[in-house]
């Protein structure tokens, strides 16, 4: 069965892509904030990890932005919420929030998939699959690190060991 590709995406597909664009940009800012907090706490491995995650979110942002531009959509930037810089935040708290952010991102990607299918926008439907696969890998990695920091349970030696592992990763 052949499907006709919709060249002009619906407003619904546009809105979900625009929301995803904003979500990726905000996640990048959150991870940069976490990197700054980790650096202040002398956890250089965690700072490196969160900078890398922020770069990944920025790359996702660019992919979505380019996809929208290629389809002649106008990716209007939405305002972003203020991010609290809590220099006392623990690494466990950061990783718990990272897991939640990654899970929210996956749900948003699934929404794009559903909406694009419902609107017969098979170009977006096919394209979003790649981001979904990447997102699932990011969730697994975030959960693994969160679980390790949960086991460490604020033990200074264990935290330093995990931070050194993040430095290598």
N, C-alpha and C. Protein backbone atom coordinates (compact mmCIF):
# COMPACT_ATOMS: atom_id res chain seq x y z
N UNK A 1 0.85 -1.17 0.00
CA UNK A 1 0.00 0.00 0.00
C UNK A 1 0.89 1.24 0.00
N UNK A 2 0.68 2.13 -0.94
CA UNK A 2 1.45 3.36 -1.01
C UNK A 2 0.70 4.49 -0.32
N UNK A 3 1.47 5.35 0.32
CA UNK A 3 0.88 6.48 1.01
C UNK A 3 1.33 7.76 0.34
N UNK A 4 0.43 8.67 0.25
CA UNK A 4 0.78 9.97 -0.28
C UNK A 4 1.39 10.80 0.85
N UNK A 5 2.53 11.40 0.56
CA UNK A 5 3.20 12.23 1.55
C UNK A 5 2.53 13.60 1.56
N UNK A 6 2.22 14.05 2.74
CA UNK A 6 1.61 15.37 2.88
C UNK A 6 2.74 16.39 2.88
N UNK A 7 2.76 17.27 1.91
CA UNK A 7 3.83 18.26 1.81
C UNK A 7 3.66 19.39 2.81
N UNK A 8 2.43 19.80 3.02
CA UNK A 8 2.16 20.88 3.96
C UNK A 8 1.62 20.27 5.25
N UNK A 9 2.43 20.24 6.30
CA UNK A 9 1.98 19.62 7.54
C UNK A 9 0.80 20.38 8.16
N UNK A 10 0.02 19.64 8.88
CA UNK A 10 -1.13 20.26 9.55
C UNK A 10 -0.66 21.15 10.69
N UNK A 11 -1.56 22.00 11.16
CA UNK A 11 -1.25 22.84 12.32
C UNK A 11 -0.96 22.00 13.55
N UNK A 12 -1.61 20.85 13.64
CA UNK A 12 -1.40 19.98 14.79
C UNK A 12 0.01 19.40 14.79
N UNK A 13 0.46 18.93 13.63
CA UNK A 13 1.83 18.41 13.52
C UNK A 13 2.82 19.54 13.79
N UNK A 14 2.55 20.70 13.22
CA UNK A 14 3.42 21.86 13.44
C UNK A 14 3.53 22.17 14.93
N UNK A 15 2.40 22.20 15.62
CA UNK A 15 2.40 22.52 17.05
C UNK A 15 3.18 21.51 17.87
N UNK A 16 3.03 20.23 17.55
CA UNK A 16 3.77 19.21 18.32
C UNK A 16 5.27 19.31 18.05
N UNK A 17 5.65 19.60 16.82
CA UNK A 17 7.07 19.78 16.51
C UNK A 17 7.63 21.02 17.21
N UNK A 18 6.85 22.08 17.22
CA UNK A 18 7.28 23.31 17.88
C UNK A 18 7.44 23.09 19.39
N UNK A 19 6.52 22.34 19.98
CA UNK A 19 6.65 22.02 21.41
C UNK A 19 7.90 21.18 21.67
N UNK A 20 8.19 20.25 20.76
CA UNK A 20 9.39 19.42 20.92
C UNK A 20 10.65 20.26 20.80
N UNK A 21 10.63 21.19 19.88
CA UNK A 21 11.76 22.10 19.71
C UNK A 21 12.04 22.85 21.00
N UNK A 22 11.00 23.36 21.61
CA UNK A 22 11.13 24.09 22.87
C UNK A 22 11.60 23.18 24.00
N UNK A 23 11.06 21.97 24.04
CA UNK A 23 11.45 21.00 25.07
C UNK A 23 12.94 20.66 24.97
N UNK A 24 13.43 20.43 23.76
CA UNK A 24 14.85 20.11 23.58
C UNK A 24 15.73 21.28 24.02
N UNK A 25 15.33 22.48 23.67
CA UNK A 25 16.09 23.67 24.06
C UNK A 25 16.10 23.83 25.57
N UNK A 26 14.96 23.62 26.19
CA UNK A 26 14.90 23.76 27.64
C UNK A 26 15.72 22.67 28.33
N UNK A 27 15.65 21.43 27.84
CA UNK A 27 16.45 20.35 28.43
C UNK A 27 17.94 20.69 28.36
N UNK A 28 18.37 21.26 27.25
CA UNK A 28 19.77 21.65 27.13
C UNK A 28 20.15 22.65 28.21
N UNK A 29 19.28 23.62 28.45
CA UNK A 29 19.56 24.64 29.48
C UNK A 29 19.59 24.01 30.87
N UNK A 30 18.68 23.07 31.13
CA UNK A 30 18.66 22.39 32.44
C UNK A 30 19.97 21.62 32.64
N UNK A 31 20.40 20.90 31.60
CA UNK A 31 21.63 20.12 31.73
C UNK A 31 22.85 21.03 31.88
N UNK A 32 22.85 22.17 31.24
CA UNK A 32 23.97 23.12 31.44
C UNK A 32 23.97 23.63 32.88
N UNK A 33 22.77 23.84 33.42
CA UNK A 33 22.67 24.26 34.82
C UNK A 33 23.21 23.18 35.74
N UNK A 34 22.83 21.92 35.48
CA UNK A 34 23.34 20.81 36.28
C UNK A 34 24.86 20.73 36.17
N UNK A 35 25.40 20.96 34.98
CA UNK A 35 26.84 20.92 34.79
C UNK A 35 27.52 22.00 35.65
N UNK A 36 26.91 23.17 35.69
CA UNK A 36 27.47 24.25 36.51
C UNK A 36 27.44 23.92 37.99
N UNK A 37 26.33 23.34 38.44
CA UNK A 37 26.22 22.95 39.85
C UNK A 37 27.24 21.87 40.18
N UNK A 38 27.35 20.85 39.32
CA UNK A 38 28.31 19.77 39.56
C UNK A 38 29.73 20.32 39.60
N UNK A 39 30.03 21.24 38.71
CA UNK A 39 31.36 21.85 38.69
C UNK A 39 31.64 22.61 39.98
N UNK A 40 30.65 23.36 40.46
CA UNK A 40 30.82 24.08 41.74
C UNK A 40 31.08 23.13 42.89
N UNK A 41 30.50 21.93 42.81
CA UNK A 41 30.67 20.93 43.87
C UNK A 41 31.91 20.07 43.64
N UNK A 42 32.71 20.42 42.62
CA UNK A 42 33.96 19.72 42.27
C UNK A 42 33.73 18.31 41.74
N UNK A 43 32.57 18.07 41.15
CA UNK A 43 32.29 16.80 40.48
C UNK A 43 32.51 17.01 38.98
N UNK A 44 33.76 16.95 38.57
CA UNK A 44 34.11 17.27 37.19
C UNK A 44 33.57 16.24 36.20
N UNK A 45 33.49 14.99 36.62
CA UNK A 45 32.94 13.96 35.74
C UNK A 45 31.46 14.20 35.46
N UNK A 46 30.72 14.54 36.49
CA UNK A 46 29.29 14.84 36.32
C UNK A 46 29.11 16.10 35.48
N UNK A 47 29.98 17.09 35.70
CA UNK A 47 29.90 18.32 34.90
C UNK A 47 30.12 17.99 33.43
N UNK A 48 31.12 17.17 33.15
CA UNK A 48 31.40 16.76 31.78
C UNK A 48 30.20 16.01 31.19
N UNK A 49 29.64 15.10 31.97
CA UNK A 49 28.48 14.32 31.51
C UNK A 49 27.31 15.23 31.15
N UNK A 50 26.98 16.17 32.04
CA UNK A 50 25.83 17.03 31.78
C UNK A 50 26.10 18.02 30.64
N UNK A 51 27.33 18.46 30.46
CA UNK A 51 27.65 19.28 29.29
C UNK A 51 27.43 18.47 28.01
N UNK A 52 27.85 17.22 28.04
CA UNK A 52 27.66 16.35 26.88
C UNK A 52 26.17 16.13 26.59
N UNK A 53 25.38 15.92 27.65
CA UNK A 53 23.94 15.75 27.48
C UNK A 53 23.31 17.02 26.92
N UNK A 54 23.77 18.17 27.40
CA UNK A 54 23.25 19.45 26.88
C UNK A 54 23.58 19.58 25.39
N UNK A 55 24.78 19.17 25.01
CA UNK A 55 25.15 19.20 23.59
C UNK A 55 24.24 18.29 22.77
N UNK A 56 23.91 17.13 23.32
CA UNK A 56 23.01 16.20 22.64
C UNK A 56 21.62 16.80 22.44
N UNK A 57 21.12 17.48 23.46
CA UNK A 57 19.81 18.12 23.35
C UNK A 57 19.85 19.24 22.32
N UNK A 58 20.96 19.97 22.28
CA UNK A 58 21.11 21.02 21.27
C UNK A 58 21.13 20.41 19.87
N UNK A 59 21.77 19.27 19.73
CA UNK A 59 21.80 18.58 18.44
C UNK A 59 20.39 18.15 18.03
N UNK A 60 19.61 17.64 18.98
CA UNK A 60 18.22 17.28 18.68
C UNK A 60 17.43 18.52 18.26
N UNK A 61 17.66 19.62 18.96
CA UNK A 61 17.02 20.89 18.62
C UNK A 61 17.33 21.25 17.16
N UNK A 62 18.61 21.16 16.79
CA UNK A 62 19.01 21.51 15.43
C UNK A 62 18.36 20.59 14.40
N UNK A 63 18.27 19.30 14.73
CA UNK A 63 17.65 18.35 13.80
C UNK A 63 16.18 18.71 13.56
N UNK A 64 15.48 19.01 14.63
CA UNK A 64 14.06 19.36 14.51
C UNK A 64 13.91 20.69 13.78
N UNK A 65 14.73 21.65 14.14
CA UNK A 65 14.69 22.97 13.50
C UNK A 65 14.92 22.83 11.99
N UNK A 66 15.95 22.07 11.61
CA UNK A 66 16.25 21.87 10.19
C UNK A 66 15.11 21.14 9.48
N UNK A 67 14.55 20.13 10.15
CA UNK A 67 13.43 19.39 9.56
C UNK A 67 12.26 20.33 9.30
N UNK A 68 11.97 21.18 10.27
CA UNK A 68 10.87 22.13 10.10
C UNK A 68 11.16 23.11 8.96
N UNK A 69 12.37 23.62 8.91
CA UNK A 69 12.74 24.56 7.84
C UNK A 69 12.67 23.89 6.47
N UNK A 70 13.14 22.65 6.39
CA UNK A 70 13.11 21.91 5.13
C UNK A 70 11.69 21.69 4.63
N UNK A 71 10.74 21.68 5.55
CA UNK A 71 9.33 21.48 5.20
C UNK A 71 8.59 22.81 5.08
N UNK A 72 9.34 23.89 5.08
CA UNK A 72 8.79 25.23 4.95
C UNK A 72 7.86 25.61 6.10
N UNK A 73 8.18 25.07 7.27
CA UNK A 73 7.47 25.49 8.49
C UNK A 73 8.26 26.65 9.08
N UNK A 74 7.63 27.45 9.85
CA UNK A 74 8.28 28.57 10.49
C UNK A 74 8.48 28.25 11.96
N UNK A 75 9.66 27.75 12.34
CA UNK A 75 9.88 27.37 13.74
C UNK A 75 10.04 28.59 14.65
N UNK A 76 8.93 29.15 15.05
CA UNK A 76 8.92 30.32 15.93
C UNK A 76 9.34 29.88 17.33
N UNK A 77 10.34 30.56 17.86
CA UNK A 77 10.86 30.20 19.18
C UNK A 77 9.89 30.65 20.27
N UNK A 78 9.59 29.73 21.16
CA UNK A 78 8.72 30.03 22.29
C UNK A 78 9.58 30.46 23.47
N UNK A 79 8.96 31.16 24.40
CA UNK A 79 9.72 31.58 25.58
C UNK A 79 9.99 30.36 26.46
N UNK A 80 11.10 30.41 27.18
CA UNK A 80 11.52 29.31 28.02
C UNK A 80 11.38 29.69 29.49
N UNK A 81 11.05 28.71 30.33
CA UNK A 81 10.90 29.02 31.75
C UNK A 81 12.26 29.29 32.40
N UNK A 82 12.19 30.01 33.49
CA UNK A 82 13.41 30.28 34.27
C UNK A 82 13.84 28.98 34.94
N UNK A 83 15.15 28.80 35.04
CA UNK A 83 15.69 27.59 35.67
C UNK A 83 16.35 27.97 36.98
N UNK A 84 15.96 27.28 38.03
CA UNK A 84 16.54 27.55 39.34
C UNK A 84 17.93 26.95 39.43
N UNK A 85 18.87 27.73 39.93
CA UNK A 85 20.24 27.28 40.12
C UNK A 85 20.43 27.01 41.61
N UNK A 86 20.24 25.77 42.01
CA UNK A 86 20.35 25.38 43.41
C UNK A 86 21.70 24.69 43.60
N UNK A 87 22.67 25.45 44.10
CA UNK A 87 24.03 24.91 44.22
C UNK A 87 24.15 23.79 45.25
N UNK A 88 23.09 23.55 46.01
CA UNK A 88 23.08 22.47 47.01
C UNK A 88 22.48 21.18 46.46
N UNK A 89 22.00 21.20 45.21
CA UNK A 89 21.36 20.02 44.63
C UNK A 89 22.35 18.86 44.57
N UNK A 90 21.90 17.69 44.98
CA UNK A 90 22.76 16.51 44.95
C UNK A 90 22.80 15.92 43.54
N UNK A 91 23.82 15.13 43.31
CA UNK A 91 23.92 14.45 42.01
C UNK A 91 22.74 13.50 41.81
N UNK A 92 22.30 12.86 42.87
CA UNK A 92 21.13 11.98 42.76
C UNK A 92 19.91 12.77 42.31
N UNK A 93 19.69 13.95 42.91
CA UNK A 93 18.56 14.79 42.49
C UNK A 93 18.68 15.18 41.02
N UNK A 94 19.88 15.50 40.59
CA UNK A 94 20.09 15.87 39.20
C UNK A 94 19.74 14.71 38.27
N UNK A 95 20.20 13.52 38.62
CA UNK A 95 19.93 12.37 37.76
C UNK A 95 18.46 11.97 37.81
N UNK A 96 17.81 12.14 38.94
CA UNK A 96 16.36 11.88 39.01
C UNK A 96 15.61 12.84 38.08
N UNK A 97 15.99 14.09 38.11
CA UNK A 97 15.34 15.07 37.23
C UNK A 97 15.69 14.80 35.76
N UNK A 98 16.90 14.34 35.51
CA UNK A 98 17.30 14.02 34.13
C UNK A 98 16.46 12.86 33.59
N UNK A 99 16.25 11.84 34.41
CA UNK A 99 15.42 10.71 33.98
C UNK A 99 14.01 11.20 33.65
N UNK A 100 13.45 12.04 34.51
CA UNK A 100 12.11 12.55 34.26
C UNK A 100 12.06 13.38 32.98
N UNK A 101 13.07 14.20 32.77
CA UNK A 101 13.12 15.02 31.55
C UNK A 101 13.21 14.14 30.31
N UNK A 102 14.02 13.10 30.37
CA UNK A 102 14.17 12.20 29.22
C UNK A 102 12.87 11.43 28.95
N UNK A 103 12.19 11.02 30.03
CA UNK A 103 10.91 10.31 29.85
C UNK A 103 9.85 11.25 29.27
N UNK A 104 9.82 12.49 29.73
CA UNK A 104 8.88 13.47 29.17
C UNK A 104 9.16 13.71 27.69
N UNK A 105 10.44 13.76 27.35
CA UNK A 105 10.83 13.96 25.96
C UNK A 105 10.35 12.79 25.10
N UNK A 106 10.50 11.57 25.59
CA UNK A 106 10.04 10.41 24.84
C UNK A 106 8.52 10.45 24.63
N UNK A 107 7.79 10.83 25.66
CA UNK A 107 6.33 10.92 25.52
C UNK A 107 5.96 11.97 24.47
N UNK A 108 6.69 13.06 24.45
CA UNK A 108 6.44 14.11 23.46
C UNK A 108 6.74 13.62 22.05
N UNK A 109 7.81 12.84 21.90
CA UNK A 109 8.14 12.27 20.59
C UNK A 109 7.06 11.29 20.13
N UNK A 110 6.56 10.49 21.07
CA UNK A 110 5.48 9.56 20.73
C UNK A 110 4.22 10.32 20.30
N UNK A 111 3.99 11.46 20.91
CA UNK A 111 2.84 12.28 20.51
C UNK A 111 3.01 12.76 19.07
N UNK A 112 4.22 13.19 18.72
CA UNK A 112 4.48 13.60 17.34
C UNK A 112 4.22 12.43 16.40
N UNK A 113 4.68 11.26 16.79
CA UNK A 113 4.47 10.06 15.96
C UNK A 113 2.99 9.81 15.75
N UNK A 114 2.22 9.86 16.82
CA UNK A 114 0.78 9.59 16.74
C UNK A 114 0.07 10.65 15.90
N UNK A 115 0.35 11.89 16.19
CA UNK A 115 -0.32 12.99 15.47
C UNK A 115 0.03 12.95 13.99
N UNK A 116 1.30 12.71 13.68
CA UNK A 116 1.69 12.68 12.27
C UNK A 116 1.02 11.51 11.55
N UNK A 117 0.87 10.38 12.22
CA UNK A 117 0.17 9.25 11.60
C UNK A 117 -1.30 9.58 11.41
N UNK A 118 -1.93 10.13 12.45
CA UNK A 118 -3.35 10.48 12.37
C UNK A 118 -3.63 11.50 11.27
N UNK A 119 -2.66 12.38 11.00
CA UNK A 119 -2.83 13.41 9.99
C UNK A 119 -2.30 12.97 8.62
N UNK A 120 -1.92 11.70 8.52
CA UNK A 120 -1.37 11.13 7.28
C UNK A 120 -0.12 11.88 6.82
N UNK A 121 0.65 12.37 7.76
CA UNK A 121 1.92 13.04 7.47
C UNK A 121 3.02 11.99 7.65
N UNK A 122 3.19 11.14 6.66
CA UNK A 122 4.09 10.00 6.79
C UNK A 122 5.55 10.40 6.72
N UNK A 123 5.84 11.55 6.17
CA UNK A 123 7.21 12.04 6.17
C UNK A 123 7.67 12.30 7.61
N UNK A 124 6.85 13.01 8.38
CA UNK A 124 7.17 13.26 9.80
C UNK A 124 7.14 11.95 10.58
N UNK A 125 6.15 11.12 10.31
CA UNK A 125 6.02 9.84 11.00
C UNK A 125 7.29 9.01 10.84
N UNK A 126 7.80 8.90 9.62
CA UNK A 126 9.02 8.13 9.39
C UNK A 126 10.24 8.81 10.01
N UNK A 127 10.32 10.11 9.89
CA UNK A 127 11.48 10.85 10.37
C UNK A 127 11.62 10.77 11.89
N UNK A 128 10.52 10.83 12.59
CA UNK A 128 10.56 10.89 14.07
C UNK A 128 11.06 9.58 14.68
N UNK A 129 10.99 8.49 13.92
CA UNK A 129 11.44 7.19 14.43
C UNK A 129 12.90 7.23 14.90
N UNK A 130 13.75 7.93 14.15
CA UNK A 130 15.16 8.02 14.53
C UNK A 130 15.36 8.70 15.87
N UNK A 131 14.62 9.77 16.10
CA UNK A 131 14.73 10.46 17.40
C UNK A 131 14.20 9.60 18.54
N UNK A 132 13.15 8.84 18.27
CA UNK A 132 12.59 7.97 19.31
C UNK A 132 13.63 6.92 19.72
N UNK A 133 14.31 6.33 18.76
CA UNK A 133 15.33 5.33 19.09
C UNK A 133 16.45 5.94 19.92
N UNK A 134 16.93 7.12 19.53
CA UNK A 134 17.97 7.80 20.31
C UNK A 134 17.49 8.11 21.72
N UNK A 135 16.24 8.53 21.82
CA UNK A 135 15.69 8.92 23.12
C UNK A 135 15.60 7.72 24.05
N UNK A 136 15.23 6.58 23.53
CA UNK A 136 15.15 5.38 24.36
C UNK A 136 16.51 5.01 24.92
N UNK A 137 17.57 5.19 24.13
CA UNK A 137 18.93 4.93 24.60
C UNK A 137 19.31 5.93 25.70
N UNK A 138 18.93 7.19 25.53
CA UNK A 138 19.25 8.21 26.53
C UNK A 138 18.54 7.93 27.85
N UNK A 139 17.32 7.45 27.77
CA UNK A 139 16.59 7.11 29.00
C UNK A 139 17.31 5.99 29.74
N UNK A 140 17.69 4.95 29.01
CA UNK A 140 18.38 3.83 29.66
C UNK A 140 19.65 4.30 30.35
N UNK A 141 20.43 5.13 29.67
CA UNK A 141 21.67 5.63 30.26
C UNK A 141 21.39 6.47 31.50
N UNK A 142 20.40 7.35 31.43
CA UNK A 142 20.05 8.19 32.59
C UNK A 142 19.58 7.35 33.77
N UNK A 143 18.78 6.34 33.49
CA UNK A 143 18.30 5.46 34.56
C UNK A 143 19.46 4.71 35.19
N UNK A 144 20.38 4.21 34.37
CA UNK A 144 21.54 3.50 34.90
C UNK A 144 22.34 4.38 35.86
N UNK A 145 22.60 5.63 35.45
CA UNK A 145 23.36 6.53 36.31
C UNK A 145 22.56 6.90 37.56
N UNK A 146 21.27 7.15 37.41
CA UNK A 146 20.45 7.47 38.58
C UNK A 146 20.49 6.32 39.58
N UNK A 147 20.38 5.09 39.10
CA UNK A 147 20.40 3.93 40.00
C UNK A 147 21.74 3.80 40.71
N UNK A 148 22.81 4.07 39.99
CA UNK A 148 24.14 4.01 40.62
C UNK A 148 24.28 5.06 41.72
N UNK A 149 23.81 6.27 41.43
CA UNK A 149 23.90 7.32 42.45
C UNK A 149 22.95 7.06 43.62
N UNK A 150 21.86 6.39 43.35
CA UNK A 150 20.94 6.01 44.43
C UNK A 150 21.61 5.00 45.37
N UNK A 151 22.32 4.05 44.79
CA UNK A 151 23.04 3.05 45.60
C UNK A 151 24.16 3.71 46.40
N UNK A 152 24.82 4.68 45.79
CA UNK A 152 25.93 5.37 46.46
C UNK A 152 25.45 6.05 47.74
N UNK A 153 24.18 6.49 47.75
CA UNK A 153 23.53 7.02 48.93
C UNK A 153 24.35 8.06 49.68
N UNK A 154 24.91 8.99 48.92
CA UNK A 154 25.66 10.12 49.50
C UNK A 154 26.97 9.71 50.19
N UNK A 155 27.44 8.50 49.97
CA UNK A 155 28.75 8.09 50.49
C UNK A 155 29.82 8.85 49.72
N UNK A 156 30.65 9.65 50.41
CA UNK A 156 31.66 10.45 49.69
C UNK A 156 32.56 9.61 48.79
N UNK A 157 32.99 8.47 49.27
CA UNK A 157 33.89 7.63 48.47
C UNK A 157 33.16 7.10 47.24
N UNK A 158 31.93 6.68 47.42
CA UNK A 158 31.15 6.15 46.29
C UNK A 158 30.84 7.25 45.28
N UNK A 159 30.52 8.45 45.77
CA UNK A 159 30.25 9.57 44.86
C UNK A 159 31.49 9.92 44.04
N UNK A 160 32.64 9.94 44.68
CA UNK A 160 33.88 10.23 43.95
C UNK A 160 34.19 9.15 42.92
N UNK A 161 33.94 7.89 43.29
CA UNK A 161 34.16 6.79 42.35
C UNK A 161 33.25 6.95 41.13
N UNK A 162 31.97 7.21 41.36
CA UNK A 162 31.04 7.39 40.25
C UNK A 162 31.38 8.61 39.41
N UNK A 163 31.81 9.67 40.06
CA UNK A 163 32.21 10.87 39.31
C UNK A 163 33.39 10.55 38.40
N UNK A 164 34.33 9.76 38.90
CA UNK A 164 35.47 9.34 38.07
C UNK A 164 35.00 8.48 36.90
N UNK A 165 34.00 7.64 37.13
CA UNK A 165 33.44 6.81 36.04
C UNK A 165 32.78 7.69 34.98
N UNK A 166 32.08 8.73 35.42
CA UNK A 166 31.47 9.66 34.47
C UNK A 166 32.52 10.39 33.65
N UNK A 167 33.65 10.67 34.29
CA UNK A 167 34.76 11.35 33.59
C UNK A 167 35.25 10.50 32.42
N UNK A 168 35.27 9.18 32.62
CA UNK A 168 35.76 8.25 31.60
C UNK A 168 34.74 8.04 30.48
N UNK A 169 33.47 8.15 30.84
CA UNK A 169 32.39 7.79 29.92
C UNK A 169 32.30 8.68 28.71
